[in-house]
Protein backbone atom coordinates (compact mmCIF):
# COMPACT_ATOMS: atom_id res chain seq x y z
CA UNK A 1 83.27 66.51 22.49
CA UNK A 2 81.85 69.57 20.77
CA UNK A 3 84.05 71.07 18.05
CA UNK A 4 83.52 74.34 16.22
CA UNK A 5 85.24 76.94 14.05
CA UNK A 6 85.07 80.60 14.94
CA UNK A 7 85.99 83.88 13.31
CA UNK A 8 85.25 85.91 10.24
CA UNK A 9 84.11 84.06 7.12
CA UNK A 10 87.16 82.58 5.42
CA UNK A 11 89.38 83.13 8.46
CA UNK A 12 87.88 80.72 11.00
CA UNK A 13 90.03 78.92 13.55
CA UNK A 14 89.31 75.64 15.36
CA UNK A 15 87.80 75.62 18.84
CA UNK A 16 85.98 73.39 21.31
CA UNK A 17 83.41 73.81 24.05
CA UNK A 18 84.64 73.10 27.58
CA UNK A 19 82.53 71.51 30.31
CA UNK A 20 81.07 74.91 31.22
CA UNK A 21 80.05 75.64 27.63
CA UNK A 22 82.84 78.18 27.07
CA UNK A 23 84.68 78.32 23.76
CA UNK A 24 88.37 77.32 23.89
CA UNK A 25 90.92 78.06 21.16
CA UNK A 26 92.40 74.89 19.60
CA UNK A 27 94.49 76.64 16.96
CA UNK A 28 97.82 76.13 18.76
CA UNK A 29 97.28 72.36 18.51
CA UNK A 30 95.16 71.91 15.36
CA UNK A 31 95.65 73.88 12.11
CA UNK A 32 91.95 73.59 11.24
CA UNK A 33 89.08 71.13 11.62
CA UNK A 34 89.53 69.57 8.20
CA UNK A 35 88.17 66.14 7.18
CA UNK A 36 91.39 64.34 8.17
CA UNK A 37 90.84 65.47 11.76
CA UNK A 38 87.55 63.56 11.87
CA UNK A 39 89.23 60.14 11.81
CA UNK A 40 88.43 58.13 14.97
CA UNK A 41 92.01 58.15 16.25
CA UNK A 42 92.31 61.92 15.83
CA UNK A 43 88.98 62.54 17.54
CA UNK A 44 90.21 60.43 20.46
CA UNK A 45 93.34 62.55 20.62
CA UNK A 46 91.28 65.74 20.65
CA UNK A 47 89.05 64.34 23.40
CA UNK A 48 92.14 63.80 25.57
CA UNK A 49 93.08 67.50 25.52
CA UNK A 50 92.68 69.39 28.81
CA UNK A 51 90.54 72.22 27.45
CA UNK A 52 90.87 74.19 30.69
CA UNK A 53 94.50 74.88 29.75
CA UNK A 54 93.59 76.51 26.44
CA UNK A 55 92.77 80.21 25.86
CA UNK A 56 89.17 81.34 26.06
CA UNK A 57 87.51 82.80 22.96
CA UNK A 58 85.16 85.78 23.13
CA UNK A 59 81.62 84.42 23.48
CA UNK A 60 80.38 86.95 20.92
CA UNK A 61 82.61 85.68 18.10
CA UNK A 62 81.05 84.61 14.80
CA UNK A 63 80.61 80.84 14.52
CA UNK A 64 81.38 79.30 11.14
CA UNK A 65 80.66 75.92 9.57
CA UNK A 66 82.21 73.41 12.03
CA UNK A 67 84.20 71.49 9.40
CA UNK A 68 86.47 73.03 6.75
CA UNK A 69 86.87 71.54 3.30
CA UNK A 70 83.49 69.80 3.02
CA UNK A 71 83.32 68.05 -0.36
CA UNK A 72 79.77 66.67 -0.51
CA UNK A 73 76.53 68.09 0.90
CA UNK A 74 73.88 65.39 0.61
CA UNK A 75 70.23 65.54 1.65
CA UNK A 76 67.38 63.15 2.33
CA UNK A 77 63.83 64.23 1.54
CA UNK A 78 60.49 63.27 3.07
CA UNK A 79 62.05 61.32 5.94
CA UNK A 80 59.60 62.06 8.79
CA UNK A 81 56.27 60.28 8.97
CA UNK A 82 54.24 63.32 9.99
CA UNK A 83 55.90 65.47 7.33
CA UNK A 84 54.90 62.94 4.67
CA UNK A 85 51.36 63.09 6.02
CA UNK A 86 51.19 66.92 5.88
CA UNK A 87 52.55 66.76 2.33
CA UNK A 88 49.81 64.31 1.33
CA UNK A 89 52.42 61.83 0.09
CA UNK A 90 52.91 58.12 0.78
CA UNK A 91 55.88 57.03 2.90
CA UNK A 92 58.83 56.46 0.54
CA UNK A 93 59.96 52.86 0.04
CA UNK A 94 63.58 54.02 -0.18
CA UNK A 95 65.29 57.26 0.88
CA UNK A 96 64.77 60.23 -1.44
CA UNK A 97 68.23 61.62 -2.18
CA UNK A 98 69.30 64.99 -3.56
CA UNK A 99 72.28 67.31 -3.13
CA UNK A 100 72.81 70.86 -1.98
CA UNK A 101 75.66 72.91 -3.40
CA UNK A 102 78.57 73.25 -0.99
CA UNK A 103 78.40 76.99 -1.73
CA UNK A 104 75.10 77.06 0.20
CA UNK A 105 76.93 76.22 3.47
CA UNK A 106 76.92 78.99 6.06
CA UNK A 107 77.49 79.55 9.76
CA UNK A 108 74.82 78.77 12.30
CA UNK A 109 73.87 82.40 12.90
CA UNK A 110 74.64 83.91 9.52
CA UNK A 111 71.85 85.72 7.67
CA UNK A 112 69.52 83.90 5.28
CA UNK A 113 69.63 85.87 2.03
CA UNK A 114 66.37 85.77 0.06
CA UNK A 115 66.99 85.06 -3.64
CA UNK A 116 65.97 87.85 -6.01
CA UNK A 117 62.20 87.72 -6.51
CA UNK A 118 61.67 84.85 -4.07
CA UNK A 119 58.23 84.58 -2.49
CA UNK A 120 58.41 80.95 -1.32
CA UNK A 121 61.53 80.59 0.84
CA UNK A 122 60.86 78.01 3.55
CA UNK A 123 62.47 76.62 6.70
CA UNK A 124 63.44 73.01 7.50
CA UNK A 125 65.11 72.01 10.76
CA UNK A 126 67.24 68.89 10.27
CA UNK A 127 69.73 66.60 11.97
CA UNK A 128 73.00 66.59 10.03
CA UNK A 129 75.39 63.65 9.95
CA UNK A 130 79.12 64.31 9.48
CA UNK A 131 81.13 61.41 8.08
CA UNK A 132 84.42 60.58 9.81
CA UNK A 133 85.86 57.75 7.72
CA UNK A 134 85.36 56.59 4.14
CA UNK A 135 82.18 54.52 3.76
CA UNK A 136 81.66 52.28 0.77
CA UNK A 137 79.02 49.50 0.68
CA UNK A 138 78.69 49.33 4.46
CA UNK A 139 76.00 47.38 6.30
CA UNK A 140 73.56 49.20 8.61
CA UNK A 141 75.13 47.48 11.60
CA UNK A 142 78.51 49.02 10.72
CA UNK A 143 77.32 52.39 9.45
CA UNK A 144 77.53 54.42 12.68
CA UNK A 145 81.20 53.47 12.93
CA UNK A 146 81.80 55.75 9.94
CA UNK A 147 80.11 58.77 11.57
CA UNK A 148 82.24 61.43 13.27
CA UNK A 149 79.27 63.20 14.81
CA UNK A 150 76.18 65.32 14.35
CA UNK A 151 75.16 68.94 13.81
CA UNK A 152 72.05 71.08 13.75
CA UNK A 153 71.12 72.25 10.24
CA UNK A 154 68.52 74.35 8.45
CA UNK A 155 67.75 73.05 4.94
CA UNK A 156 66.46 76.39 3.67
CA UNK A 157 64.36 75.82 0.54
CA UNK A 158 62.95 78.04 -2.19
CA UNK A 159 59.80 76.08 -3.05
CA UNK A 160 59.07 77.60 -6.46
CA UNK A 161 62.53 76.67 -7.73
CA UNK A 162 62.29 73.27 -5.99
CA UNK A 163 58.87 72.24 -7.30
CA UNK A 164 58.04 74.26 -10.40
CA UNK A 165 61.38 74.61 -12.16
CA UNK A 166 61.34 71.12 -13.75
CA UNK A 167 61.23 69.16 -10.52
CA UNK A 168 64.90 69.01 -9.56
CA UNK A 169 65.01 69.70 -5.82
CA UNK A 170 68.60 70.89 -5.70
CA UNK A 171 67.64 74.02 -7.63
CA UNK A 172 65.58 75.27 -4.70
CA UNK A 173 68.06 74.14 -2.06
CA UNK A 174 71.40 75.49 -3.25
CA UNK A 175 71.23 79.28 -3.08
CA UNK A 176 74.00 80.95 -1.07
CA UNK A 177 73.16 80.95 2.68
CA UNK A 178 70.66 78.07 2.32
CA UNK A 179 72.75 75.61 4.34
CA UNK A 180 73.38 76.84 7.91
CA UNK A 181 75.22 74.07 9.79
CA UNK A 182 76.39 74.15 13.41
CA UNK A 183 77.10 75.80 15.79
CA UNK A 184 79.21 72.78 16.63
CA UNK A 185 79.93 69.20 15.67
CA UNK A 186 79.02 66.93 18.58
CA UNK A 187 81.01 63.71 18.29
CA UNK A 188 79.30 60.33 18.56
CA UNK A 189 80.68 60.04 22.11
CA UNK A 190 78.57 63.09 23.01
CA UNK A 191 75.51 61.84 21.07
CA UNK A 192 75.51 58.03 21.33
CA UNK A 193 71.91 57.68 20.06
CA UNK A 194 70.86 60.07 17.28
CA UNK A 195 67.28 58.74 17.24
CA UNK A 196 66.12 60.27 20.55
CA UNK A 197 66.72 63.98 19.97
CA UNK A 198 64.05 66.64 20.48
CA UNK A 199 64.05 69.40 17.88
CA UNK A 200 62.24 72.73 17.53
CA UNK A 201 62.11 75.62 15.05
CA UNK A 202 60.51 79.00 15.64
CA UNK A 203 59.84 81.90 13.29
CA UNK A 204 59.52 85.27 15.03
CA UNK A 205 59.11 83.41 18.32
CA UNK A 206 56.25 81.18 17.12
CA UNK A 207 56.85 77.43 17.17
CA UNK A 208 56.53 76.01 13.65
CA UNK A 209 58.25 72.62 14.01
CA UNK A 210 58.47 70.50 17.16
CA UNK A 211 59.38 66.84 16.86
CA UNK A 212 61.90 64.14 17.72
CA UNK A 213 64.31 62.22 15.51
CA UNK A 214 62.46 59.03 16.51
CA UNK A 215 59.87 60.01 13.85
CA UNK A 216 62.39 59.36 11.06
CA UNK A 217 61.31 56.82 8.46
CA UNK A 218 64.93 55.89 7.72
CA UNK A 219 67.22 56.25 10.77
CA UNK A 220 70.80 57.46 10.60
CA UNK A 221 72.40 54.02 10.27
CA UNK A 222 70.12 53.10 7.38
CA UNK A 223 70.78 56.41 5.60
CA UNK A 224 74.57 56.04 5.78
CA UNK A 225 74.39 52.41 4.66
CA UNK A 226 71.98 53.20 1.80
CA UNK A 227 74.03 56.07 0.42
CA UNK A 228 77.21 54.03 0.62
CA UNK A 229 75.74 51.40 -1.71
CA UNK A 230 75.89 53.75 -4.72
CA UNK A 231 78.39 56.47 -3.75
CA UNK A 232 81.53 56.70 -1.68
CA UNK A 233 81.05 58.80 1.42
CA UNK A 234 84.15 60.79 2.32
CA UNK A 235 85.38 62.19 5.64
CA UNK A 236 83.77 65.57 6.20
CA UNK A 237 80.72 64.86 4.05
CA UNK A 238 77.55 66.38 5.50
CA UNK A 239 74.22 64.56 5.19
CA UNK A 240 71.04 66.33 6.25
CA UNK A 241 68.42 63.76 7.15
CA UNK A 242 65.01 65.28 6.45
CA UNK A 243 62.66 67.61 8.26
CA UNK A 244 59.63 66.99 10.50
CA UNK A 245 56.13 68.37 10.03
CA UNK A 246 55.53 72.11 10.23
CA UNK A 247 57.15 73.57 7.12
CA UNK A 248 55.56 76.64 5.60
CA UNK A 249 54.67 74.80 2.39
CA UNK A 250 52.41 72.41 4.31
CA UNK A 251 50.44 75.07 6.18
CA UNK A 252 46.96 76.26 5.25
CA UNK A 253 47.36 78.97 4.16
CA UNK A 254 50.98 78.51 3.23
CA UNK A 255 53.56 80.64 5.04
CA UNK A 256 56.99 81.65 3.79
CA UNK A 257 59.91 83.70 5.04
CA UNK A 258 60.11 87.43 4.41
CA UNK A 259 62.70 90.11 5.02
CA UNK A 260 63.15 90.82 8.72
CA UNK A 261 61.96 87.43 9.95
CA UNK A 262 64.04 85.69 12.64
CA UNK A 263 64.40 81.90 12.54
CA UNK A 264 65.51 80.07 15.70
CA UNK A 265 66.38 76.37 15.81
CA UNK A 266 67.52 73.92 18.46
CA UNK A 267 68.22 70.18 18.74
CA UNK A 268 69.18 68.38 21.96
CA UNK A 269 72.97 68.30 22.46
CA UNK A 270 73.53 70.18 19.17
CA UNK A 271 72.96 73.74 20.30
CA UNK A 272 70.95 76.56 18.74
CA UNK A 273 70.90 78.68 15.61
CA UNK A 274 69.43 82.15 15.04
CA UNK A 275 69.17 83.53 11.52
CA UNK A 276 67.79 86.84 10.31
CA UNK A 277 66.20 86.92 6.86
CA UNK A 278 67.60 89.69 4.67
């Protein structure tokens, strides 16, 4: 199943994609897609709904973040082999963990707003995990059982703040609009294997990143298990899992986003995003 939230910012309502890819209004049955609706039994109930009986939503409607009430926005750095190579860094022995502010979350097609004075704002296509049930000290073999589903994400990054402002990555990752997630949450039933997904990012029509989640150093199950050893993962938590090679920082010469640029992203089964830089 593919779940989404549509409408003006702050006034989104729950929806789902039908078999023809049309948006159907769920609001008569579900108040909102909050973390409690990500529990396995509730997702099964949603999957049993005959979407053809629900009202259609205008295809041109704004698409918001697919889950309301997200409490933790966690990120994994340097998690693709070829990205580590382009960065000139050794493969990490353990996942590199940082956080993004939840205030950076934005809809899939919302504008990316350049911070004042920024000259090094970069793109990063990523697979996002959405937690469905509380995970605490879980084994890798059990980790995927705590996942509600997956989303497409752009871990937008201001490199000067990330690298040169005392080395704390979250500073360059947490500006407003730096966390587009969506357009939808594809449940694990729709994406049974998250390690076989093709992904691509373009800037102004030019391919910058093209890879597959099979290049991850730490796969999804290992990431969820690892994080759960030292923090409790809550329903609705979003974990972005690292970006492949092709970021602007790694290019020679380096390339960064500027006003008027258009960023387009896609991942198999997880839809597309289009963001204009303003």
